[in-house]
Protein backbone atom coordinates (compact mmCIF):
# COMPACT_ATOMS: atom_id res chain seq x y z
CA MET A 1 -11.76 -18.41 12.00
CA ALA A 2 -10.42 -16.28 9.50
CA PHE A 3 -12.06 -16.81 6.10
CA LEU A 4 -8.68 -16.70 4.03
CA SER A 5 -5.85 -18.07 6.54
CA ILE A 6 -2.09 -18.10 5.34
CA GLU A 7 -0.23 -20.13 7.98
CA ARG A 8 3.68 -20.00 8.06
CA ILE A 9 4.14 -19.80 4.34
CA THR A 10 7.26 -20.33 3.04
CA LYS A 11 8.53 -20.25 -1.14
CA THR A 12 11.97 -21.50 -1.93
CA PHE A 13 13.20 -21.34 -5.60
CA GLY A 14 16.37 -22.88 -5.73
CA ALA A 15 18.73 -21.30 -2.88
CA THR A 16 16.51 -18.18 -2.55
CA THR A 17 13.62 -18.18 -0.34
CA THR A 18 11.02 -15.52 -1.47
CA VAL A 19 8.62 -15.58 1.40
CA LYS A 20 10.02 -16.51 4.91
CA GLY A 21 6.89 -18.03 7.29
CA VAL A 22 4.43 -15.35 6.61
CA ASP A 23 0.87 -15.63 8.79
CA LEU A 24 -1.83 -13.80 7.43
CA ALA A 25 -5.51 -13.86 8.29
CA VAL A 26 -8.10 -12.06 6.17
CA GLU A 27 -11.59 -11.71 7.31
CA ARG A 28 -14.55 -12.16 4.88
CA GLY A 29 -15.39 -9.28 3.04
CA GLU A 30 -12.17 -7.79 3.88
CA PHE A 31 -9.87 -5.95 1.28
CA VAL A 32 -6.22 -6.38 2.49
CA THR A 33 -3.41 -4.98 0.37
CA LEU A 34 0.12 -6.41 0.39
CA LEU A 35 2.61 -3.42 -0.38
CA GLY A 36 6.02 -3.56 -0.62
CA PRO A 37 9.08 -2.97 -3.19
CA SER A 38 9.60 -5.37 -5.98
CA GLY A 39 11.17 -8.82 -4.95
CA CYS A 40 9.71 -8.50 -1.24
CA GLY A 41 7.68 -11.74 -2.39
CA LYS A 42 4.29 -10.30 -2.10
CA THR A 43 3.01 -11.34 -5.76
CA THR A 44 4.55 -14.94 -4.93
CA ILE A 45 2.00 -14.93 -1.73
CA LEU A 46 -0.72 -14.04 -4.01
CA ARG A 47 0.21 -16.91 -6.79
CA MET A 48 0.52 -19.27 -3.68
CA VAL A 49 -3.24 -18.42 -2.97
CA ALA A 50 -4.39 -18.59 -6.31
CA GLY A 51 -2.63 -22.17 -6.72
CA PHE A 52 -0.29 -21.34 -9.49
CA GLU A 53 2.64 -21.86 -6.95
CA THR A 54 2.87 -24.38 -4.20
CA PRO A 55 4.38 -23.43 -0.84
CA SER A 56 7.46 -24.97 0.13
CA SER A 57 5.90 -25.67 3.26
CA GLY A 58 2.95 -24.05 5.25
CA THR A 59 -0.99 -24.40 5.09
CA ILE A 60 -3.40 -21.93 2.99
CA ARG A 61 -6.99 -22.42 4.33
CA ILE A 62 -10.39 -20.72 2.50
CA ASP A 63 -13.22 -21.07 4.63
CA GLY A 64 -11.67 -23.36 6.84
CA LYS A 65 -10.85 -25.98 3.84
CA ASP A 66 -7.24 -26.18 3.49
CA VAL A 67 -6.54 -25.68 -0.49
CA THR A 68 -2.80 -25.78 -0.20
CA ASP A 69 -2.36 -28.67 -2.52
CA LEU A 70 -5.46 -28.14 -4.77
CA LYS A 71 -5.05 -26.54 -8.23
CA PRO A 72 -6.32 -23.26 -9.40
CA HIS A 73 -9.61 -24.18 -10.80
CA GLN A 74 -10.54 -26.18 -7.90
CA ARG A 75 -10.23 -23.18 -5.46
CA LYS A 76 -12.71 -20.81 -7.17
CA ILE A 77 -10.81 -18.06 -7.54
CA GLY A 78 -10.77 -14.84 -9.78
CA MET A 79 -7.59 -13.01 -10.72
CA VAL A 80 -6.89 -9.83 -12.32
CA PHE A 81 -3.32 -9.36 -13.59
CA GLN A 82 -1.37 -6.76 -14.82
CA ALA A 83 -1.48 -6.88 -18.21
CA TYR A 84 -5.19 -8.13 -18.66
CA ALA A 85 -4.75 -11.37 -20.25
CA LEU A 86 -8.11 -10.67 -22.21
CA PHE A 87 -8.35 -12.90 -25.42
CA PRO A 88 -7.82 -10.82 -28.20
CA ASN A 89 -9.76 -13.31 -30.69
CA MET A 90 -13.23 -13.02 -28.25
CA THR A 91 -14.96 -9.94 -27.78
CA VAL A 92 -15.46 -8.37 -24.53
CA ALA A 93 -18.88 -10.38 -24.32
CA ASP A 94 -17.03 -13.74 -24.64
CA ASN A 95 -14.11 -12.92 -22.53
CA ILE A 96 -16.29 -12.38 -19.54
CA ALA A 97 -18.40 -15.52 -20.39
CA PHE A 98 -14.92 -17.64 -20.59
CA GLY A 99 -14.90 -19.03 -16.95
CA LEU A 100 -18.62 -19.79 -16.76
CA LYS A 101 -18.64 -21.57 -20.00
CA VAL A 102 -15.36 -23.76 -18.80
CA ALA A 103 -17.72 -24.58 -15.66
CA ARG A 104 -20.57 -25.88 -18.03
CA LYS A 105 -22.96 -23.30 -17.18
CA ASN A 106 -25.62 -23.05 -19.62
CA GLY A 107 -26.47 -20.34 -22.08
CA ALA A 108 -29.27 -18.58 -20.51
CA GLU A 109 -27.41 -18.45 -17.33
CA ILE A 110 -24.24 -17.09 -19.13
CA ALA A 111 -25.73 -14.40 -21.10
CA SER A 112 -27.52 -13.13 -18.16
CA ARG A 113 -24.26 -13.04 -15.77
CA VAL A 114 -22.61 -11.37 -18.95
CA LYS A 115 -24.87 -8.75 -18.82
CA GLU A 116 -24.97 -8.31 -15.21
CA MET A 117 -21.33 -7.79 -15.30
CA LEU A 118 -21.14 -5.27 -17.97
CA GLU A 119 -23.84 -3.31 -16.12
CA LEU A 120 -21.60 -3.77 -12.97
CA ILE A 121 -18.38 -1.89 -14.41
CA LYS A 122 -20.91 0.42 -16.39
CA LEU A 123 -19.70 -0.68 -19.89
CA PRO A 124 -23.13 -2.14 -21.28
CA GLN A 125 -22.14 -0.64 -24.55
CA VAL A 126 -18.84 -2.78 -25.43
CA ALA A 127 -20.67 -6.06 -25.15
CA GLU A 128 -19.39 -6.84 -28.84
CA ARG A 129 -15.92 -5.01 -29.46
CA TYR A 130 -12.56 -6.59 -29.02
CA PRO A 131 -10.03 -5.80 -26.52
CA TYR A 132 -8.12 -3.62 -29.19
CA GLN A 133 -11.00 -1.50 -29.58
CA LEU A 134 -10.89 -0.70 -25.65
CA SER A 135 -8.81 1.41 -24.03
CA GLY A 136 -6.72 0.31 -21.23
CA GLY A 137 -8.81 1.36 -18.08
CA GLN A 138 -11.75 -0.50 -20.24
CA GLN A 139 -9.81 -3.67 -20.68
CA GLN A 140 -8.88 -3.50 -16.96
CA ARG A 141 -12.40 -3.42 -16.17
CA VAL A 142 -13.57 -6.32 -18.40
CA ALA A 143 -10.56 -8.20 -17.03
CA LEU A 144 -12.24 -7.56 -13.56
CA ALA A 145 -15.45 -8.17 -14.59
CA ARG A 146 -14.40 -11.74 -16.40
CA ALA A 147 -12.71 -12.44 -12.59
CA LEU A 148 -16.01 -12.09 -10.95
CA ALA A 149 -18.32 -13.21 -13.39
CA ILE A 150 -17.71 -16.91 -11.50
CA LYS A 151 -18.80 -15.94 -8.50
CA PRO A 152 -15.18 -16.71 -6.66
CA GLN A 153 -14.80 -16.95 -3.20
CA ILE A 154 -11.65 -14.42 -3.07
CA LEU A 155 -10.67 -11.72 -5.71
CA LEU A 156 -6.82 -11.39 -6.10
CA LEU A 157 -5.58 -8.65 -7.95
CA ASP A 158 -1.91 -8.46 -8.69
CA GLU A 159 -0.77 -4.79 -9.87
CA PRO A 160 -4.00 -4.30 -11.69
CA LEU A 161 -3.53 -0.40 -12.25
CA SER A 162 0.27 -0.23 -12.61
CA ALA A 163 -0.19 0.04 -16.64
CA LEU A 164 -2.40 3.18 -16.69
CA ASP A 165 -2.00 6.71 -16.79
CA ALA A 166 -2.23 8.49 -13.41
CA LYS A 167 -5.73 9.63 -13.53
CA ILE A 168 -7.18 6.38 -14.81
CA ARG A 169 -5.37 4.74 -12.06
CA VAL A 170 -7.21 7.16 -9.46
CA SER A 171 -10.70 6.53 -11.29
CA LEU A 172 -10.14 2.79 -11.87
CA ARG A 173 -9.21 2.53 -7.86
CA ASP A 174 -12.37 3.95 -6.64
CA GLU A 175 -14.76 1.66 -9.37
CA ILE A 176 -12.31 -1.12 -8.22
CA ARG A 177 -13.10 -0.61 -4.23
CA ALA A 178 -16.90 0.56 -5.14
CA VAL A 179 -17.39 -3.10 -7.12
CA GLN A 180 -15.84 -5.02 -3.93
CA ARG A 181 -18.08 -3.17 -1.23
CA GLN A 182 -21.23 -3.74 -3.15
CA LEU A 183 -20.58 -7.62 -3.85
CA GLY A 184 -18.88 -8.21 -0.19
CA ILE A 185 -16.04 -10.17 -1.89
CA THR A 186 -13.03 -10.87 0.08
CA THR A 187 -10.06 -9.12 -1.88
CA ILE A 188 -6.17 -9.61 -1.72
CA PHE A 189 -4.68 -6.68 -3.81
CA VAL A 190 -0.72 -6.24 -4.51
CA THR A 191 0.82 -2.98 -5.04
CA HIS A 192 3.99 -1.26 -4.79
CA ASP A 193 2.27 2.03 -5.04
CA GLN A 194 1.80 3.11 -1.38
CA GLU A 195 -1.42 5.94 -2.30
CA GLU A 196 -3.32 3.17 -3.74
CA ALA A 197 -2.61 0.59 -0.74
CA LEU A 198 -3.71 3.46 1.94
CA SER A 199 -6.43 4.74 -0.29
CA MET A 200 -8.08 1.31 -1.07
CA SER A 201 -7.62 -1.09 1.90
CA ASP A 202 -9.35 -1.96 4.87
CA ARG A 203 -5.57 -3.13 6.36
CA VAL A 204 -2.37 -2.87 4.47
CA CYS A 205 0.38 -5.55 4.81
CA VAL A 206 3.71 -4.01 4.36
CA MET A 207 6.13 -6.39 3.34
CA SER A 208 10.52 -6.69 3.17
CA GLU A 209 12.35 -9.41 2.20
CA GLY A 210 9.91 -12.03 2.06
CA ARG A 211 8.53 -11.10 5.67
CA ILE A 212 5.50 -8.88 7.03
CA GLU A 213 7.25 -5.82 8.58
CA GLN A 214 3.95 -4.20 9.74
CA LEU A 215 -0.03 -4.87 9.33
CA GLY A 216 -2.81 -2.74 10.14
CA THR A 217 -5.46 0.43 8.95
CA PRO A 218 -3.99 2.93 7.04
CA PHE A 219 -4.36 4.84 9.55
CA GLU A 220 -2.13 3.01 11.75
CA ILE A 221 0.39 1.98 8.98
CA TYR A 222 0.84 5.69 8.37
CA ASN A 223 0.52 7.31 11.71
CA TYR A 224 2.36 4.76 13.84
CA PRO A 225 4.93 2.90 11.48
CA LYS A 226 6.40 0.35 13.81
CA THR A 227 10.08 -0.15 11.83
CA ARG A 228 12.12 2.13 10.15
CA PHE A 229 11.34 0.11 6.84
CA VAL A 230 7.65 1.06 7.26
CA ALA A 231 8.09 4.58 8.17
CA SER A 232 10.61 5.42 5.34
CA PHE A 233 8.75 3.03 2.21
CA VAL A 234 5.22 4.50 3.48
CA GLY A 235 4.88 8.04 2.85
CA THR A 236 7.33 10.83 2.66
CA LEU A 237 9.41 10.99 5.73
CA ASN A 238 12.45 12.97 7.12
CA ILE A 239 14.52 10.81 8.99
CA LEU A 240 17.05 12.61 11.63
CA SER A 241 19.74 10.85 13.56
CA GLY A 242 20.00 11.77 17.28
CA ARG A 243 21.24 10.42 20.66
CA VAL A 244 19.55 10.29 23.76
CA SER A 245 19.99 13.03 26.69
CA ASP A 246 17.45 11.84 29.08
CA GLY A 247 15.41 8.27 28.28
CA ALA A 248 12.95 8.86 31.21
CA GLU A 249 11.70 12.22 29.77
CA GLY A 250 12.14 11.25 26.15
CA ARG A 251 15.00 13.84 25.57
CA ILE A 252 17.37 13.63 22.39
CA VAL A 253 19.50 15.83 20.92
CA VAL A 254 19.64 16.15 17.00
CA ASP A 255 22.34 18.29 15.46
CA GLY A 256 23.16 20.00 18.84
CA GLN A 257 19.56 20.99 19.33
CA GLU A 258 17.30 19.41 21.92
CA ILE A 259 13.69 17.91 20.84
CA VAL A 260 11.24 16.15 23.56
CA THR A 261 8.82 13.25 22.83
CA SER A 262 5.52 13.07 24.07
CA ARG A 263 6.69 9.82 26.38
CA GLY A 264 9.73 8.16 27.98
CA LEU A 265 12.15 6.28 26.00
CA ASN A 266 12.04 2.65 27.28
CA GLY A 267 15.18 0.83 27.39
CA ALA A 268 17.39 3.91 26.22
CA SER A 269 20.35 5.37 28.09
CA THR A 270 22.15 8.65 28.06
CA GLY A 271 23.87 8.61 25.08
CA ASP A 272 22.39 5.89 22.53
CA ALA A 273 21.92 6.29 19.10
CA LEU A 274 18.59 6.65 17.67
CA ALA A 275 16.53 7.55 14.37
CA VAL A 276 13.70 9.85 14.80
CA ALA A 277 11.40 10.60 11.98
CA LEU A 278 9.10 13.88 11.09
CA ARG A 279 6.49 13.58 8.66
CA PRO A 280 6.28 17.23 5.96
CA GLU A 281 2.44 17.65 7.12
CA ALA A 282 3.69 17.84 10.92
CA LEU A 283 6.01 20.76 10.47
CA SER A 284 5.27 24.32 10.51
CA ILE A 285 7.54 27.54 10.00
CA GLY A 286 8.05 29.62 12.82
CA ARG A 287 8.85 29.57 16.58
CA ALA A 288 6.22 27.91 18.78
CA ASN A 289 5.52 28.20 22.45
CA GLY A 290 4.58 25.70 24.92
CA SER A 291 4.89 21.83 24.31
CA SER A 292 6.32 22.12 20.66
CA ASN A 293 9.52 21.52 19.56
CA ASN A 294 11.59 24.17 17.73
CA LEU A 295 14.50 23.47 15.64
CA GLU A 296 16.74 26.45 13.77
CA GLY A 297 18.19 26.12 10.77
CA THR A 298 18.68 27.50 7.10
CA ILE A 299 16.64 27.27 4.00
CA ASP A 300 18.45 25.13 1.60
CA GLU A 301 15.98 25.00 -1.13
CA VAL A 302 12.51 26.15 -2.27
CA HIS A 303 10.08 24.50 -4.91
CA PHE A 304 7.35 25.80 -6.49
CA LEU A 305 4.99 23.40 -7.15
CA GLY A 306 1.36 25.00 -7.99
CA SER A 307 -1.16 24.96 -5.04
CA VAL A 308 2.26 23.71 -2.63
CA VAL A 309 5.49 25.35 -1.90
CA ARG A 310 8.21 22.51 -0.66
CA ILE A 311 10.88 24.00 1.52
CA ARG A 312 13.98 22.26 2.41
CA VAL A 313 15.61 23.05 5.76
CA ARG A 314 19.05 22.39 6.59
CA PHE A 315 20.48 22.11 10.13
CA LYS A 316 24.35 21.44 10.61
CA GLU A 317 24.37 17.62 9.67
CA SER A 318 20.58 16.69 8.65
CA ALA A 319 17.83 18.44 6.82
CA VAL A 320 14.01 18.20 6.27
CA SER A 321 11.40 19.02 4.04
CA LEU A 322 8.20 20.48 4.39
CA ASP A 323 5.42 21.50 2.24
CA THR A 324 3.32 24.92 2.76
CA PHE A 325 0.46 26.17 0.71
CA ASN A 326 0.98 28.93 -2.21
CA ARG A 327 -0.41 32.17 -1.02
CA PRO A 328 -0.31 34.38 -4.01
CA ASN A 329 -0.14 37.77 -1.59
CA ALA A 330 3.05 36.41 -0.10
CA ALA A 331 6.53 35.62 -1.72
CA PRO A 332 7.83 32.26 -0.72
CA PRO A 333 11.03 32.18 1.65
CA GLU A 334 14.30 32.68 -0.19
CA ARG A 335 17.74 30.20 0.05
CA GLY A 336 19.88 30.84 2.91
CA GLN A 337 16.92 32.70 5.26
CA PRO A 338 17.40 31.54 8.38
CA ILE A 339 14.02 29.73 9.98
CA THR A 340 12.81 28.19 12.88
CA VAL A 341 10.52 25.08 12.23
CA ASN A 342 8.14 24.02 15.00
CA PHE A 343 6.50 20.10 15.80
CA GLY A 344 4.65 18.72 18.74
CA ARG A 345 5.99 16.14 20.76
CA GLU A 346 3.58 13.85 19.65
CA ASP A 347 4.70 14.13 15.93
CA ILE A 348 8.15 12.73 16.56
CA LEU A 349 8.34 9.03 15.29
CA VAL A 350 11.03 6.93 17.20
CA LEU A 351 12.22 4.28 14.96
CA GLU A 352 13.46 0.84 15.75
CA GLY A 353 17.17 0.44 15.63
CA ALA A 354 20.18 2.71 15.43
CA PRO A 355 20.25 5.03 12.70
CA ASN A 356 22.41 3.94 9.62
């Protein structure tokens, strides 16, 4: 049995249903990220697990125990919020000790645990400082220490990095993951940032409009998206409209040029409209022989981005973007120049549903 089990959870606010029959099983010690755009229901699920919201229907179990109707303090949950939520009138040490004092732990145990947490987050020197004397990254590390001090069964992280600048986000996400692994604590992380989700998680749960679109490892989510939404939301993607020319052989016509997939198109008939996707990194410049596909077009835009040159290639009705490394001894191509791009058959993602 999964350590955290969310079974057919639904949440309705008035006439609006924000979570629609979600099932999710999280193993002990696993780091699972709920990823999706604003309003998809990810934070509502987190709040229901924490006990801040009560499901309209469904069940939540932790370690086999039904906690659906328990109050937050009865669940032994640690939670880190986007806005830190530190008490401004308390020192760092007192903030970390707060939950322990509420639990009526003795003074020696509290002092020992606070010292342990400060060392864990690598901030032993700030114990007597106040939150306003800390940077944003330090405040969030203190918030993490406070959540972990009570030795929770589950750690919940609600977009904890979104208020920080880019460099601090990268550094802190690595620290959070290292702490989580060290403690082996079951963790649910909520974010709309795909890079955070892919870099930190054991599994990623992509959500849209209150439902789970796909659940899998970062490798599976990125390389084998099951729906058009997942393919377009996770990573940069080129989406092309095409029509089936031979379903059995996986042949598709895109802008008057034929490409071939690595396998047949089950259930597809000649003339059916469909959408295919290509990651920018799958595309190379030049004509390739053998089993690769080639598409001829014209360079539409060239953007110099330092180490990378981003090239947009237009066909008749559609276009793709690809990245090449900057080479100081080779000038980038120019707009209007004819060009051929190639890619492998296995690089084509055939998306569910007809193209828009």
